[in-house]
Amino acid sequence: MSSAPVAALVVLLTLAAVLVTSGVAKVRDRRATRDAFDALRVPPVVPADALAPALPWCEIALGVLLLVAPGGWLVPVAAATVALMLAYTWVVARALGFDEPVTCSCFGSLGRHAVDRLTLVRNVLLCVLAATALWLALDGGSAPSALRELDPGGWWALLATAAAATVAVLVTGGGASTPVADEDLLDYERHATPYGALTLHDGTTASLAELTATQARLLVVLNPGCGPCVRVAERLDEWAAALHPAVGVVAVHPDESSARAQSLHSPQLGAWEPELNIRRVFSVGTPSAVLLGADGFLAGGPVAGEKSVTAFVAEVLDAVAEQPSPAE
């Protein structure tokens, strides 16, 4: 049994599955795709508004063509795949140098959203696969020709590889989960508030313990240039008014310049974190939220993502509304 056709098919099928899955996920969550351009700070020379809606369909088309393109036609398809993977890898590597953590929906609503070294490793491996596909194409290979060369042993090897990949996906569950506010806050397992510090809008510095000495606090962690963060920030004044006086809202920005420059919420809600200590101690991306109780314990969260933050705040609002008023 020759292993060459099986190896060629595994490479092409893997790339096609990644591209089609990514494209379909992006189509289902188009706003997240556009937000990713802002979160990753794609250079302005790239027409983000035009490219964002077209990118998912380009990925789907490349994925399909990798499987159906015959002979020499596979060369431009594989070359375009290499260029796309290299572009993705460059954007991710560049984002790792930003001062604050970056989250993006590289696969729409699927998979991990934190951009870290593991993301870079994944993209490098995809570049290697794409380069291998180009080499196969230049050598005259293609998925249809590889299929014609398969003998019964090759079919079994291909099926075993597909089964192993499926099991791996099912076992890993498709990525790390993010805590969301689906459970009643009363069932929340409480932990002591960790050490952290914030510089408030008036320039004073306070630890999280000092900040919650007299009032529970809802910390909402934001980043400049992050689409979901913008939409969350626009609601902070509304949330602050609804939660007052039971809970104080604090908008946590990565540095003083971004906190001072924002105009989406009241300046009094703004604060910034020395050395990004808040998002590091809670291991969250943006936007995210955590509720700190006035008794020195966490009262909810942390949660990450626009939908999770919105749902979490809705539960906090419900819990506050259920509390008896001082006159009762």
Protein backbone atom coordinates (compact mmCIF):
# COMPACT_ATOMS: atom_id res chain seq x y z
CA MET A 1 0.00 0.00 0.00
CA SER A 2 1.40 3.39 -1.02
CA SER A 3 1.08 6.04 1.66
CA ALA A 4 1.49 9.01 -0.72
CA PRO A 5 -2.20 9.27 -1.78
CA VAL A 6 -3.34 8.93 1.84
CA ALA A 7 -0.91 11.63 3.01
CA ALA A 8 -2.00 13.97 0.21
CA LEU A 9 -5.66 13.48 1.04
CA VAL A 10 -5.10 14.00 4.78
CA VAL A 11 -3.35 17.31 4.09
CA LEU A 12 -5.99 18.56 1.66
CA LEU A 13 -8.93 17.33 3.73
CA THR A 14 -7.55 18.95 6.88
CA LEU A 15 -7.05 22.30 5.19
CA ALA A 16 -10.47 22.10 3.53
CA ALA A 17 -12.18 21.24 6.82
CA VAL A 18 -10.49 24.14 8.63
CA LEU A 19 -11.34 26.65 5.89
CA VAL A 20 -14.95 25.57 5.43
CA THR A 21 -15.59 25.39 9.18
CA SER A 22 -14.03 28.81 9.69
CA GLY A 23 -15.95 30.31 6.79
CA VAL A 24 -19.33 28.93 7.88
CA ALA A 25 -18.74 30.10 11.48
CA LYS A 26 -17.86 33.58 10.22
CA VAL A 27 -20.97 33.73 8.03
CA ARG A 28 -23.09 32.89 11.08
CA ASP A 29 -21.46 35.64 13.15
CA ARG A 30 -20.64 38.43 10.70
CA ARG A 31 -20.38 41.15 13.32
CA ALA A 32 -17.73 39.18 15.21
CA THR A 33 -15.76 38.83 11.97
CA ARG A 34 -15.73 42.59 11.47
CA ASP A 35 -14.85 43.12 15.14
CA ALA A 36 -11.83 40.84 14.72
CA PHE A 37 -10.30 43.33 12.27
CA ASP A 38 -10.46 46.01 14.97
CA ALA A 39 -9.30 43.74 17.81
CA LEU A 40 -6.27 42.58 15.80
CA ARG A 41 -5.58 46.16 14.62
CA VAL A 42 -5.42 45.19 10.98
CA PRO A 43 -3.60 48.02 9.16
CA PRO A 44 -5.91 50.72 7.72
CA VAL A 45 -4.65 49.96 4.20
CA VAL A 46 -6.79 46.81 4.36
CA PRO A 47 -10.43 47.66 3.43
CA ALA A 48 -11.96 45.99 6.49
CA ASP A 49 -15.58 46.96 5.76
CA ALA A 50 -15.41 45.35 2.31
CA LEU A 51 -13.15 42.43 3.19
CA ALA A 52 -14.91 41.26 6.37
CA PRO A 53 -18.15 40.10 4.63
CA ALA A 54 -16.20 38.60 1.71
CA LEU A 55 -13.60 36.73 3.76
CA PRO A 56 -15.87 33.85 4.92
CA TRP A 57 -16.94 33.09 1.36
CA CYS A 58 -13.31 33.17 0.20
CA GLU A 59 -12.44 30.62 2.89
CA ILE A 60 -15.35 28.37 1.90
CA ALA A 61 -14.44 28.62 -1.79
CA LEU A 62 -10.79 27.76 -1.11
CA GLY A 63 -11.82 24.82 1.07
CA VAL A 64 -14.07 23.37 -1.65
CA LEU A 65 -11.55 24.01 -4.45
CA LEU A 66 -8.79 22.25 -2.51
CA LEU A 67 -10.88 19.07 -2.82
CA VAL A 68 -12.23 19.38 -6.35
CA ALA A 69 -9.54 21.26 -8.32
CA PRO A 70 -7.79 18.88 -10.76
CA GLY A 71 -4.10 18.81 -11.61
CA GLY A 72 -2.62 22.19 -12.43
CA TRP A 73 -5.73 24.05 -11.28
CA LEU A 74 -4.79 23.21 -7.70
CA VAL A 75 -1.61 25.32 -7.91
CA PRO A 76 -3.28 28.78 -7.74
CA VAL A 77 -5.75 27.49 -5.11
CA ALA A 78 -2.95 26.17 -2.91
CA ALA A 79 -0.90 29.34 -3.45
CA ALA A 80 -3.87 31.47 -2.35
CA THR A 81 -4.27 29.24 0.73
CA VAL A 82 -0.59 29.72 1.61
CA ALA A 83 -0.95 33.50 1.25
CA LEU A 84 -4.06 33.52 3.46
CA MET A 85 -2.46 31.39 6.19
CA LEU A 86 0.70 33.51 6.17
CA ALA A 87 -1.42 36.66 6.49
CA TYR A 88 -3.33 35.18 9.43
CA THR A 89 -0.07 34.11 11.09
CA TRP A 90 1.48 37.55 10.67
CA VAL A 91 -1.57 39.26 12.17
CA VAL A 92 -1.57 36.90 15.17
CA ALA A 93 2.19 37.22 15.75
CA ARG A 94 1.84 41.01 15.63
CA ALA A 95 -1.05 40.94 18.11
CA LEU A 96 1.09 39.05 20.64
CA GLY A 97 3.21 42.18 20.93
CA PHE A 98 0.31 44.40 22.00
CA ASP A 99 0.33 45.76 25.55
CA GLU A 100 -3.03 44.21 26.38
CA PRO A 101 -4.46 40.73 25.72
CA VAL A 102 -6.40 40.34 22.49
CA THR A 103 -9.52 38.31 21.80
CA CYS A 104 -11.02 37.73 18.41
CA SER A 105 -13.45 35.40 16.67
CA CYS A 106 -11.04 33.80 14.23
CA PHE A 107 -13.53 30.93 13.87
CA GLY A 108 -16.72 32.92 14.45
CA SER A 109 -18.42 31.73 17.61
CA LEU A 110 -16.42 28.47 17.64
CA GLY A 111 -13.21 27.60 19.44
CA ARG A 112 -10.89 29.64 21.63
CA HIS A 113 -11.11 33.42 21.40
CA ALA A 114 -7.95 34.38 23.28
CA VAL A 115 -5.04 35.21 20.96
CA ASP A 116 -1.94 33.67 22.53
CA ARG A 117 1.10 31.56 21.68
CA LEU A 118 -1.11 28.52 21.12
CA THR A 119 -2.97 30.49 18.44
CA LEU A 120 0.36 31.27 16.77
CA VAL A 121 1.45 27.61 16.89
CA ARG A 122 -1.86 26.58 15.33
CA ASN A 123 -1.45 29.08 12.51
CA VAL A 124 2.16 28.05 11.86
CA LEU A 125 1.02 24.44 11.52
CA LEU A 126 -1.67 25.53 9.07
CA CYS A 127 1.01 27.37 7.08
CA VAL A 128 3.04 24.15 6.93
CA LEU A 129 0.00 22.22 5.72
CA ALA A 130 -0.76 24.89 3.11
CA ALA A 131 2.86 24.82 1.89
CA THR A 132 2.65 21.02 1.66
CA ALA A 133 -0.52 21.33 -0.41
CA LEU A 134 1.26 23.73 -2.76
CA TRP A 135 4.17 21.31 -3.10
CA LEU A 136 1.72 18.51 -3.93
CA ALA A 137 0.03 20.72 -6.51
CA LEU A 138 3.33 21.68 -8.15
CA ASP A 139 4.14 17.98 -8.34
CA GLY A 140 0.95 17.40 -10.29
CA GLY A 141 -1.09 15.99 -7.43
CA SER A 142 -4.68 16.71 -6.49
CA ALA A 143 -7.44 15.28 -4.32
CA PRO A 144 -9.28 13.63 -7.26
CA SER A 145 -6.07 11.95 -8.51
CA ALA A 146 -5.18 10.81 -4.97
CA LEU A 147 -8.64 9.27 -4.59
CA ARG A 148 -8.20 7.33 -7.85
CA GLU A 149 -4.89 5.92 -6.58
CA LEU A 150 -6.31 4.61 -3.31
CA ASP A 151 -6.37 0.85 -2.87
CA PRO A 152 -8.52 -0.86 -0.17
CA GLY A 153 -5.75 -0.45 2.39
CA GLY A 154 -5.55 3.26 1.59
CA TRP A 155 -9.29 3.67 2.11
CA TRP A 156 -9.05 2.01 5.51
CA ALA A 157 -6.11 4.23 6.47
CA LEU A 158 -8.04 7.32 5.40
CA LEU A 159 -11.13 6.28 7.34
CA ALA A 160 -9.02 5.54 10.44
CA THR A 161 -7.42 8.99 10.22
CA ALA A 162 -10.82 10.66 9.89
CA ALA A 163 -12.15 8.68 12.86
CA ALA A 164 -9.14 9.63 15.00
CA ALA A 165 -9.60 13.32 14.14
CA THR A 166 -13.31 13.16 14.96
CA VAL A 167 -12.63 11.52 18.33
CA ALA A 168 -10.01 14.17 19.15
CA VAL A 169 -12.49 16.96 18.40
CA LEU A 170 -15.21 15.33 20.48
CA VAL A 171 -12.88 14.68 23.43
CA THR A 172 -11.54 18.24 23.53
CA GLY A 173 -15.05 19.65 23.20
CA GLY A 174 -14.11 22.19 20.56
CA GLY A 175 -12.28 24.60 22.86
CA ALA A 176 -12.15 26.02 26.34
CA SER A 177 -15.40 27.14 27.85
CA THR A 178 -16.04 30.57 29.26
CA PRO A 179 -18.07 30.99 32.42
CA VAL A 180 -21.41 32.61 31.64
CA ALA A 181 -24.19 33.83 33.84
CA ASP A 182 -26.63 31.02 33.13
CA GLU A 183 -26.91 29.89 36.77
CA ASP A 184 -28.57 31.68 39.60
CA LEU A 185 -26.12 33.99 41.40
CA LEU A 186 -27.25 32.40 44.66
CA ASP A 187 -25.64 29.13 43.55
CA TYR A 188 -22.33 30.80 42.75
CA GLU A 189 -19.33 29.26 44.50
CA ARG A 190 -17.68 32.23 46.15
CA HIS A 191 -13.95 32.86 46.46
CA ALA A 192 -12.06 35.61 48.24
CA THR A 193 -11.47 38.73 46.17
CA PRO A 194 -7.87 38.51 44.89
CA TYR A 195 -5.39 41.34 45.20
CA GLY A 196 -5.61 43.93 42.46
CA ALA A 197 -5.33 47.69 42.10
CA LEU A 198 -6.98 50.37 40.00
CA THR A 199 -6.29 54.03 39.37
CA LEU A 200 -9.61 55.88 39.49
CA HIS A 201 -10.77 58.79 37.36
CA ASP A 202 -9.59 61.33 39.96
CA GLY A 203 -6.06 59.91 39.94
CA THR A 204 -6.26 58.07 43.27
CA THR A 205 -5.20 54.43 43.50
CA ALA A 206 -7.27 51.84 45.32
CA SER A 207 -6.96 48.12 45.85
CA LEU A 208 -9.93 45.92 45.09
CA ALA A 209 -10.42 45.44 48.84
CA GLU A 210 -10.54 49.20 49.38
CA LEU A 211 -12.82 49.65 46.40
CA THR A 212 -15.38 47.23 47.82
CA ALA A 213 -15.11 48.26 51.47
CA THR A 214 -18.50 49.99 51.41
CA GLN A 215 -20.14 48.88 48.16
CA ALA A 216 -20.24 45.93 45.78
CA ARG A 217 -18.54 46.70 42.48
CA LEU A 218 -19.12 45.51 38.95
CA LEU A 219 -15.82 45.66 37.06
CA VAL A 220 -16.18 45.78 33.28
CA VAL A 221 -12.87 45.26 31.47
CA LEU A 222 -12.54 46.99 28.11
CA ASN A 223 -10.06 47.57 25.29
CA PRO A 224 -9.85 50.46 22.82
CA GLY A 225 -10.63 49.53 19.23
CA CYS A 226 -12.63 46.47 20.25
CA GLY A 227 -16.09 46.38 18.63
CA PRO A 228 -17.82 44.36 21.38
CA CYS A 229 -16.15 46.60 23.99
CA VAL A 230 -17.60 49.67 22.31
CA ARG A 231 -21.11 48.23 22.42
CA VAL A 232 -20.71 47.23 26.08
CA ALA A 233 -19.25 50.63 27.02
CA GLU A 234 -22.24 52.38 25.47
CA ARG A 235 -24.49 50.66 28.02
CA LEU A 236 -22.43 51.34 31.13
CA ASP A 237 -24.21 54.55 32.13
CA GLU A 238 -27.56 52.78 31.80
CA TRP A 239 -26.33 49.86 33.94
CA ALA A 240 -24.76 52.16 36.51
CA ALA A 241 -28.02 54.06 36.99
CA ALA A 242 -30.03 50.86 37.31
CA LEU A 243 -27.62 49.26 39.82
CA HIS A 244 -27.16 52.36 42.00
CA PRO A 245 -26.81 52.41 44.98
CA ALA A 246 -26.43 48.68 45.57
CA VAL A 247 -23.62 48.15 43.07
CA GLY A 248 -21.08 50.58 41.68
CA VAL A 249 -19.91 50.14 38.09
CA VAL A 250 -16.24 50.58 37.18
CA ALA A 251 -15.04 50.62 33.56
CA VAL A 252 -11.52 49.17 33.58
CA HIS A 253 -9.33 50.45 30.73
CA PRO A 254 -5.78 49.20 30.02
CA ASP A 255 -4.09 52.57 30.56
CA GLU A 256 -4.72 56.20 31.44
CA SER A 257 -4.69 57.48 27.86
CA SER A 258 -7.45 55.12 26.74
CA ALA A 259 -9.50 55.85 29.86
CA ARG A 260 -9.22 59.60 29.38
CA ALA A 261 -9.86 59.44 25.63
CA GLN A 262 -13.07 57.40 25.77
CA SER A 263 -16.41 59.18 25.37
CA LEU A 264 -18.82 56.25 25.52
CA HIS A 265 -19.57 56.39 29.24
CA SER A 266 -19.41 58.86 32.10
CA PRO A 267 -15.83 59.81 33.07
CA GLN A 268 -16.65 59.02 36.70
CA LEU A 269 -16.97 55.34 35.81
CA GLY A 270 -13.54 55.20 34.22
CA ALA A 271 -10.44 53.64 35.75
CA TRP A 272 -7.26 52.03 34.51
CA GLU A 273 -5.19 49.11 35.71
CA PRO A 274 -1.45 49.31 36.47
CA GLU A 275 0.38 46.68 34.39
CA LEU A 276 -2.93 45.14 33.29
CA ASN A 277 -3.19 43.48 36.70
CA ILE A 278 -6.98 43.10 36.70
CA ARG A 279 -7.29 41.15 33.46
CA ARG A 280 -4.26 39.10 34.44
CA VAL A 281 -5.46 38.18 37.92
CA PHE A 282 -8.86 37.13 36.56
CA SER A 283 -7.41 35.65 33.33
CA VAL A 284 -9.96 37.38 31.10
CA GLY A 285 -10.01 38.96 27.68
CA THR A 286 -12.31 41.77 26.61
CA PRO A 287 -15.02 42.65 27.09
CA SER A 288 -15.39 40.88 30.41
CA ALA A 289 -17.05 41.48 33.77
CA VAL A 290 -16.76 40.34 37.38
CA LEU A 291 -18.89 41.23 40.39
CA LEU A 292 -17.01 41.93 43.64
CA GLY A 293 -19.03 41.67 46.82
CA ALA A 294 -18.75 44.19 49.65
CA ASP A 295 -17.85 41.33 52.01
CA GLY A 296 -14.45 40.60 50.44
CA PHE A 297 -15.66 37.75 48.22
CA LEU A 298 -16.45 37.42 44.52
CA ALA A 299 -20.18 37.60 43.92
CA GLY A 300 -20.26 36.55 40.26
CA GLY A 301 -18.10 35.92 37.23
CA PRO A 302 -15.75 36.52 35.67
CA VAL A 303 -17.45 36.22 32.30
CA ALA A 304 -16.06 37.17 28.91
CA GLY A 305 -17.62 38.16 25.60
CA GLU A 306 -20.32 40.69 24.74
CA LYS A 307 -23.24 38.27 25.03
CA SER A 308 -21.97 36.76 28.28
CA VAL A 309 -21.37 40.18 29.84
CA THR A 310 -24.83 41.40 28.83
CA ALA A 311 -26.50 38.27 30.20
CA PHE A 312 -24.45 38.48 33.39
CA VAL A 313 -25.41 42.11 34.02
CA ALA A 314 -29.06 41.22 33.38
CA GLU A 315 -28.84 38.61 36.16
CA VAL A 316 -27.18 41.10 38.49
CA LEU A 317 -29.96 43.59 37.76
CA ASP A 318 -32.57 40.93 38.53
CA ALA A 319 -30.82 40.03 41.78
CA VAL A 320 -30.62 43.69 42.84
CA ALA A 321 -34.29 44.23 41.98
CA GLU A 322 -35.26 41.33 44.22
CA GLN A 323 -33.51 42.85 47.22
CA PRO A 324 -35.84 44.60 49.70
CA SER A 325 -35.60 48.37 49.79
CA PRO A 326 -34.29 50.07 52.99
CA ALA A 327 -37.85 51.23 53.84
CA GLU A 328 -39.18 47.65 53.93
